Amino acid sequence: MLTVDLNTAPGRAIRTIASNDCYELLYNEVENRIYLTVNGFWKSPAAVPEYLHDWEKALLLSKVNFTLLADFRGMITHPQELNSLHIAVLKLVKAHGLLQFACVAPDDKIASLQVAAICEESGIEPHIFSSPEDAHEFLNTSAASYQQV
């Protein structure tokens, strides 16, 4: 779970898109950022039946050039059959105008390799960090740099 305090400034609008045992998906309107936290082991696509639909809801809220912070620290290697679901989500994210993707690396080394392979196949280059705070700072800097252009 992310430890960055998202509610420190008045007027911050954080919307919870989904929160369950497998993942949490949030959208911050002020930052135009989607936050994903992946938890544990997902046995099959049946364990996350609303995952793609939840992403579609989040993407409807986001504006072009949004950023994505994914916290995979709690992820345990998923079965290969879930790779296509993750790839479909990342391709959808890319098509909706992703500016930058920062991820907090999984503690599980095999899961780290799995995340890297999924990102590569989806055509998205993740910026990998060991803490959500560093990832958050990177995305803030990236978004600010983009807005200055």
C-alpha atoms as a PDB file:
ATOM      1  CA  MET A   1       0.000   0.000   0.000  1.00  0.00           C
ATOM      2  CA  LEU A   2       1.272   3.485  -0.800  1.00  0.00           C
ATOM      3  CA  THR A   3       2.565   5.427   2.166  1.00  0.00           C
ATOM      4  CA  VAL A   4       2.626   8.825   0.456  1.00  0.00           C
ATOM      5  CA  ASP A   5       0.142  11.149   2.169  1.00  0.00           C
ATOM      6  CA  LEU A   6      -2.172  12.152  -0.658  1.00  0.00           C
ATOM      7  CA  ASN A   7      -4.415  14.344   1.463  1.00  0.00           C
ATOM      8  CA  THR A   8      -2.027  16.980   2.757  1.00  0.00           C
ATOM      9  CA  ALA A   9      -3.393  19.966   0.845  1.00  0.00           C
ATOM     10  CA  PRO A  10      -6.915  21.320   0.967  1.00  0.00           C
ATOM     11  CA  GLY A  11      -8.930  20.594  -2.156  1.00  0.00           C
ATOM     12  CA  ARG A  12      -7.107  17.412  -3.095  1.00  0.00           C
ATOM     13  CA  ALA A  13      -9.616  15.144  -4.706  1.00  0.00           C
ATOM     14  CA  ILE A  14      -8.683  11.494  -4.333  1.00  0.00           C
ATOM     15  CA  ARG A  15     -11.183   9.065  -5.773  1.00  0.00           C
ATOM     16  CA  THR A  16     -11.133   5.406  -4.877  1.00  0.00           C
ATOM     17  CA  ILE A  17     -11.932   3.464  -8.019  1.00  0.00           C
ATOM     18  CA  ALA A  18     -11.492   0.026  -6.431  1.00  0.00           C
ATOM     19  CA  SER A  19     -10.175  -1.378  -3.193  1.00  0.00           C
ATOM     20  CA  ASN A  20     -10.136  -5.100  -2.490  1.00  0.00           C
ATOM     21  CA  ASP A  21      -7.794  -7.836  -1.268  1.00  0.00           C
ATOM     22  CA  CYS A  22      -5.945  -7.957  -4.603  1.00  0.00           C
ATOM     23  CA  TYR A  23      -5.487  -4.307  -5.537  1.00  0.00           C
ATOM     24  CA  GLU A  24      -6.326  -0.706  -4.849  1.00  0.00           C
ATOM     25  CA  LEU A  25      -6.860   1.792  -7.654  1.00  0.00           C
ATOM     26  CA  LEU A  26      -7.085   5.522  -6.914  1.00  0.00           C
ATOM     27  CA  TYR A  27      -7.253   8.665  -9.023  1.00  0.00           C
ATOM     28  CA  ASN A  28      -5.963  12.060  -7.897  1.00  0.00           C
ATOM     29  CA  GLU A  29      -7.650  14.825  -9.908  1.00  0.00           C
ATOM     30  CA  VAL A  30      -5.235  17.544  -8.816  1.00  0.00           C
ATOM     31  CA  GLU A  31      -2.148  15.570  -9.860  1.00  0.00           C
ATOM     32  CA  ASN A  32      -3.903  13.853 -12.779  1.00  0.00           C
ATOM     33  CA  ARG A  33      -2.354  10.665 -11.439  1.00  0.00           C
ATOM     34  CA  ILE A  34      -3.565   7.097 -11.109  1.00  0.00           C
ATOM     35  CA  TYR A  35      -2.263   5.081  -8.158  1.00  0.00           C
ATOM     36  CA  LEU A  36      -2.230   1.290  -8.249  1.00  0.00           C
ATOM     37  CA  THR A  37      -1.253  -0.955  -5.372  1.00  0.00           C
ATOM     38  CA  VAL A  38      -1.017  -4.682  -6.135  1.00  0.00           C
ATOM     39  CA  ASN A  39      -1.333  -7.067  -3.203  1.00  0.00           C
ATOM     40  CA  GLY A  40      -0.304 -10.682  -2.909  1.00  0.00           C
ATOM     41  CA  PHE A  41      -0.962 -13.597  -5.201  1.00  0.00           C
ATOM     42  CA  TRP A  42      -3.680 -13.571  -7.849  1.00  0.00           C
ATOM     43  CA  LYS A  43      -4.556 -17.180  -8.612  1.00  0.00           C
ATOM     44  CA  SER A  44      -6.277 -16.492 -11.952  1.00  0.00           C
ATOM     45  CA  PRO A  45      -8.199 -13.783 -13.819  1.00  0.00           C
ATOM     46  CA  ALA A  46     -11.259 -14.955 -11.877  1.00  0.00           C
ATOM     47  CA  ALA A  47      -9.639 -13.531  -8.717  1.00  0.00           C
ATOM     48  CA  VAL A  48      -9.837 -10.032 -10.242  1.00  0.00           C
ATOM     49  CA  PRO A  49     -12.983 -10.056 -12.414  1.00  0.00           C
ATOM     50  CA  GLU A  50     -13.425  -6.263 -12.365  1.00  0.00           C
ATOM     51  CA  TYR A  51      -9.754  -5.331 -12.908  1.00  0.00           C
ATOM     52  CA  LEU A  52     -10.041  -4.237 -16.540  1.00  0.00           C
ATOM     53  CA  HIS A  53     -13.363  -2.504 -15.905  1.00  0.00           C
ATOM     54  CA  ASP A  54     -11.900  -0.651 -12.907  1.00  0.00           C
ATOM     55  CA  TRP A  55      -9.054   0.577 -15.108  1.00  0.00           C
ATOM     56  CA  GLU A  56     -11.554   1.782 -17.698  1.00  0.00           C
ATOM     57  CA  LYS A  57     -13.312   3.789 -14.964  1.00  0.00           C
ATOM     58  CA  ALA A  58     -10.011   5.312 -13.819  1.00  0.00           C
ATOM     59  CA  LEU A  59      -9.036   6.226 -17.360  1.00  0.00           C
ATOM     60  CA  LEU A  60     -12.385   7.960 -17.932  1.00  0.00           C
ATOM     61  CA  LEU A  61     -11.532  10.255 -15.023  1.00  0.00           C
ATOM     62  CA  SER A  62      -7.974  10.964 -16.122  1.00  0.00           C
ATOM     63  CA  LYS A  63      -6.891  13.629 -18.561  1.00  0.00           C
ATOM     64  CA  VAL A  64      -4.310  13.232 -21.332  1.00  0.00           C
ATOM     65  CA  ASN A  65      -0.716  13.260 -20.023  1.00  0.00           C
ATOM     66  CA  PHE A  66      -1.652  11.631 -16.721  1.00  0.00           C
ATOM     67  CA  THR A  67       0.963   9.855 -14.638  1.00  0.00           C
ATOM     68  CA  LEU A  68       0.816   6.401 -13.079  1.00  0.00           C
ATOM     69  CA  LEU A  69       2.405   5.257  -9.842  1.00  0.00           C
ATOM     70  CA  ALA A  70       2.205   1.504  -9.296  1.00  0.00           C
ATOM     71  CA  ASP A  71       3.298  -0.005  -6.003  1.00  0.00           C
ATOM     72  CA  PHE A  72       4.193  -3.658  -6.564  1.00  0.00           C
ATOM     73  CA  ARG A  73       6.023  -4.243  -3.258  1.00  0.00           C
ATOM     74  CA  GLY A  74       3.344  -6.627  -2.008  1.00  0.00           C
ATOM     75  CA  MET A  75       2.973  -8.525  -5.288  1.00  0.00           C
ATOM     76  CA  ILE A  76       3.818 -12.213  -5.365  1.00  0.00           C
ATOM     77  CA  THR A  77       4.561 -13.719  -8.780  1.00  0.00           C
ATOM     78  CA  HIS A  78       1.319 -14.187 -10.702  1.00  0.00           C
ATOM     79  CA  PRO A  79       0.552 -17.170 -12.929  1.00  0.00           C
ATOM     80  CA  GLN A  80       1.460 -16.658 -16.593  1.00  0.00           C
ATOM     81  CA  GLU A  81      -2.218 -16.603 -17.563  1.00  0.00           C
ATOM     82  CA  LEU A  82      -2.509 -13.186 -15.869  1.00  0.00           C
ATOM     83  CA  ASN A  83       0.210 -11.634 -18.034  1.00  0.00           C
ATOM     84  CA  SER A  84      -2.223 -11.000 -20.877  1.00  0.00           C
ATOM     85  CA  LEU A  85      -4.543  -9.118 -18.498  1.00  0.00           C
ATOM     86  CA  HIS A  86      -1.692  -6.915 -17.241  1.00  0.00           C
ATOM     87  CA  ILE A  87      -0.495  -6.285 -20.802  1.00  0.00           C
ATOM     88  CA  ALA A  88      -4.019  -5.359 -21.945  1.00  0.00           C
ATOM     89  CA  VAL A  89      -4.308  -2.863 -19.082  1.00  0.00           C
ATOM     90  CA  LEU A  90      -0.944  -1.260 -19.845  1.00  0.00           C
ATOM     91  CA  LYS A  91      -1.758  -0.975 -23.553  1.00  0.00           C
ATOM     92  CA  LEU A  92      -5.044   0.684 -22.617  1.00  0.00           C
ATOM     93  CA  VAL A  93      -3.189   3.044 -20.261  1.00  0.00           C
ATOM     94  CA  LYS A  94      -0.714   3.949 -23.003  1.00  0.00           C
ATOM     95  CA  ALA A  95      -3.511   4.581 -25.504  1.00  0.00           C
ATOM     96  CA  HIS A  96      -5.234   6.975 -23.078  1.00  0.00           C
ATOM     97  CA  GLY A  97      -2.293   9.382 -22.927  1.00  0.00           C
ATOM     98  CA  LEU A  98       0.129   8.223 -20.247  1.00  0.00           C
ATOM     99  CA  LEU A  99       2.920  10.759 -19.648  1.00  0.00           C
ATOM    100  CA  GLN A 100       5.116   8.818 -17.184  1.00  0.00           C
ATOM    101  CA  PHE A 101       4.971   5.499 -15.370  1.00  0.00           C
ATOM    102  CA  ALA A 102       6.802   5.017 -12.087  1.00  0.00           C
ATOM    103  CA  CYS A 103       6.703   1.768 -10.214  1.00  0.00           C
ATOM    104  CA  VAL A 104       7.894   0.617  -6.855  1.00  0.00           C
ATOM    105  CA  ALA A 105       9.638  -2.700  -7.423  1.00  0.00           C
ATOM    106  CA  PRO A 106       8.180  -5.888  -5.972  1.00  0.00           C
ATOM    107  CA  ASP A 107       9.985  -7.398  -2.991  1.00  0.00           C
ATOM    108  CA  ASP A 108       9.667 -10.773  -4.753  1.00  0.00           C
ATOM    109  CA  LYS A 109      12.533 -11.032  -7.280  1.00  0.00           C
ATOM    110  CA  ILE A 110      10.616 -13.252  -9.706  1.00  0.00           C
ATOM    111  CA  ALA A 111       7.709 -10.787  -9.583  1.00  0.00           C
ATOM    112  CA  SER A 112      10.188  -8.019 -10.486  1.00  0.00           C
ATOM    113  CA  LEU A 113      11.183  -9.948 -13.594  1.00  0.00           C
ATOM    114  CA  GLN A 114       7.528 -10.528 -14.406  1.00  0.00           C
ATOM    115  CA  VAL A 115       6.697  -6.815 -14.114  1.00  0.00           C
ATOM    116  CA  ALA A 116       9.658  -5.928 -16.368  1.00  0.00           C
ATOM    117  CA  ALA A 117       8.570  -8.461 -19.012  1.00  0.00           C
ATOM    118  CA  ILE A 118       4.957  -7.240 -18.944  1.00  0.00           C
ATOM    119  CA  CYS A 119       6.060  -3.625 -19.330  1.00  0.00           C
ATOM    120  CA  GLU A 120       8.373  -4.502 -22.192  1.00  0.00           C
ATOM    121  CA  GLU A 121       5.670  -6.400 -24.045  1.00  0.00           C
ATOM    122  CA  SER A 122       3.163  -3.573 -23.552  1.00  0.00           C
ATOM    123  CA  GLY A 123       5.609  -0.987 -24.891  1.00  0.00           C
ATOM    124  CA  ILE A 124       5.722   1.074 -21.708  1.00  0.00           C
ATOM    125  CA  GLU A 125       9.017   1.971 -20.079  1.00  0.00           C
ATOM    126  CA  PRO A 126       8.677   2.032 -16.299  1.00  0.00           C
ATOM    127  CA  HIS A 127      10.888   4.126 -14.067  1.00  0.00           C
ATOM    128  CA  ILE A 128      11.638   1.784 -11.178  1.00  0.00           C
ATOM    129  CA  PHE A 129      12.081   2.918  -7.584  1.00  0.00           C
ATOM    130  CA  SER A 130      12.532   1.273  -4.219  1.00  0.00           C
ATOM    131  CA  SER A 131      10.141   3.606  -2.379  1.00  0.00           C
ATOM    132  CA  PRO A 132       6.806   5.222  -3.228  1.00  0.00           C
ATOM    133  CA  GLU A 133       8.136   8.552  -1.994  1.00  0.00           C
ATOM    134  CA  ASP A 134      10.925   8.538  -4.612  1.00  0.00           C
ATOM    135  CA  ALA A 135       8.492   7.479  -7.334  1.00  0.00           C
ATOM    136  CA  HIS A 136       6.051  10.209  -6.301  1.00  0.00           C
ATOM    137  CA  GLU A 137       8.792  12.844  -6.367  1.00  0.00           C
ATOM    138  CA  PHE A 138       9.921  11.689  -9.831  1.00  0.00           C
ATOM    139  CA  LEU A 139       6.381  11.923 -11.214  1.00  0.00           C
ATOM    140  CA  ASN A 140       5.833  15.356  -9.682  1.00  0.00           C
ATOM    141  CA  THR A 141       9.034  16.601 -11.296  1.00  0.00           C
ATOM    142  CA  SER A 142       8.155  15.011 -14.651  1.00  0.00           C
ATOM    143  CA  ALA A 143       4.658  16.484 -14.664  1.00  0.00           C
ATOM    144  CA  ALA A 144       5.952  19.936 -13.687  1.00  0.00           C
ATOM    145  CA  SER A 145       8.592  19.792 -16.453  1.00  0.00           C
ATOM    146  CA  TYR A 146       5.973  18.810 -18.998  1.00  0.00           C
ATOM    147  CA  GLN A 147       3.645  21.653 -17.943  1.00  0.00           C
ATOM    148  CA  GLN A 148       6.459  24.192 -18.395  1.00  0.00           C
ATOM    149  CA  VAL A 149       6.988  23.181 -22.027  1.00  0.00           C
END
